[in-house]
Amino acid sequence: MRTSKLKSFRLQKGFSQHELAEKVGVAQNSIVYWESGRSMPNLIKAEKLAAILDISITEIIDHFKTVLSKEENENGAKSAGNVAN
């Protein structure tokens, strides 16, 4: 499995999920969900995350665009497979 962009940024800064969560002011599960694309931070948390990771808010948005695109492609393939059956 490919490492998410958000996880890569976190690892480049040397933060564990727990450490990053403390810095952002969220539970560790939030970081897990954000990295996997299961949920997204609100704008205030996204800005704080970008500042802590020393990246632009655009890079945060790109992470979620990539994750959502991937999910849409996978769901589209599953739906197409279901139609064929």
Protein backbone atom coordinates (compact mmCIF):
# COMPACT_ATOMS: atom_id res chain seq x y z
CA MET A 1 0.00 0.00 0.00
CA ARG A 2 1.25 3.45 -0.89
CA THR A 3 1.93 5.89 1.94
CA SER A 4 -0.46 8.84 1.97
CA LYS A 5 0.88 12.32 1.29
CA LEU A 6 -0.16 13.46 4.73
CA LYS A 7 1.66 10.56 6.37
CA SER A 8 4.76 11.33 4.31
CA PHE A 9 4.72 14.96 5.45
CA ARG A 10 4.31 13.84 9.08
CA LEU A 11 7.18 11.35 8.83
CA GLN A 12 9.45 13.93 7.17
CA LYS A 13 9.00 16.10 10.25
CA GLY A 14 9.69 13.10 12.51
CA PHE A 15 6.33 13.16 14.29
CA SER A 16 4.41 10.16 15.50
CA GLN A 17 0.65 10.30 15.03
CA HIS A 18 0.32 10.95 18.76
CA GLU A 19 2.81 13.84 18.70
CA LEU A 20 1.14 15.47 15.72
CA ALA A 21 -2.28 15.05 17.29
CA GLU A 22 -1.09 16.85 20.43
CA LYS A 23 0.34 19.71 18.39
CA VAL A 24 -2.85 20.10 16.34
CA GLY A 25 -5.07 19.68 19.40
CA VAL A 26 -6.99 16.59 18.30
CA ALA A 27 -7.21 12.93 19.26
CA GLN A 28 -4.73 10.54 17.66
CA ASN A 29 -7.63 8.85 15.86
CA SER A 30 -8.20 12.08 13.95
CA ILE A 31 -4.70 11.83 12.48
CA VAL A 32 -5.32 8.17 11.58
CA TYR A 33 -8.59 9.11 9.86
CA TRP A 34 -7.08 12.10 8.06
CA GLU A 35 -4.14 10.07 6.75
CA SER A 36 -6.45 7.34 5.48
CA GLY A 37 -9.00 9.79 4.08
CA ARG A 38 -11.78 8.47 6.32
CA SER A 39 -12.41 12.04 7.47
CA MET A 40 -11.09 15.53 6.86
CA PRO A 41 -10.08 18.29 9.26
CA ASN A 42 -12.08 21.49 9.43
CA LEU A 43 -10.45 24.57 7.94
CA ILE A 44 -8.97 25.77 11.25
CA LYS A 45 -7.37 22.36 11.94
CA ALA A 46 -6.18 22.08 8.32
CA GLU A 47 -4.45 25.46 8.59
CA LYS A 48 -2.84 24.46 11.88
CA LEU A 49 -1.77 21.11 10.39
CA ALA A 50 -0.20 22.85 7.39
CA ALA A 51 1.69 25.27 9.65
CA ILE A 52 3.00 22.48 11.90
CA LEU A 53 4.09 20.36 8.93
CA ASP A 54 5.51 23.44 7.17
CA ILE A 55 3.46 22.83 4.04
CA SER A 56 0.83 24.85 2.22
CA ILE A 57 -2.89 24.45 2.73
CA THR A 58 -2.97 23.51 -0.96
CA GLU A 59 -0.87 20.43 -0.18
CA ILE A 60 -3.39 19.44 2.50
CA ILE A 61 -6.23 19.86 0.01
CA ASP A 62 -4.32 17.89 -2.64
CA HIS A 63 -3.95 15.00 -0.17
CA PHE A 64 -7.71 14.79 0.25
CA LYS A 65 -8.38 15.25 -3.49
CA THR A 66 -6.08 12.30 -4.18
CA VAL A 67 -7.73 10.12 -1.54
CA LEU A 68 -11.25 11.02 -2.68
CA SER A 69 -10.36 10.43 -6.35
CA LYS A 70 -8.97 7.02 -5.49
CA GLU A 71 -12.15 6.12 -3.58
CA GLU A 72 -14.37 7.29 -6.44
CA ASN A 73 -12.38 5.18 -8.90
CA GLU A 74 -12.60 2.13 -6.65
CA ASN A 75 -16.32 2.63 -6.02
CA GLY A 76 -16.93 3.17 -9.72
CA ALA A 77 -15.16 -0.09 -10.54
CA LYS A 78 -17.19 -1.92 -7.89
CA SER A 79 -20.44 -0.41 -9.22
CA ALA A 80 -19.54 -1.33 -12.77
CA GLY A 81 -18.80 -4.85 -11.62
CA ASN A 82 -22.16 -5.06 -9.86
CA VAL A 83 -24.01 -3.87 -12.96
CA ALA A 84 -22.36 -6.53 -15.09
CA ASN A 85 -23.50 -9.29 -12.74
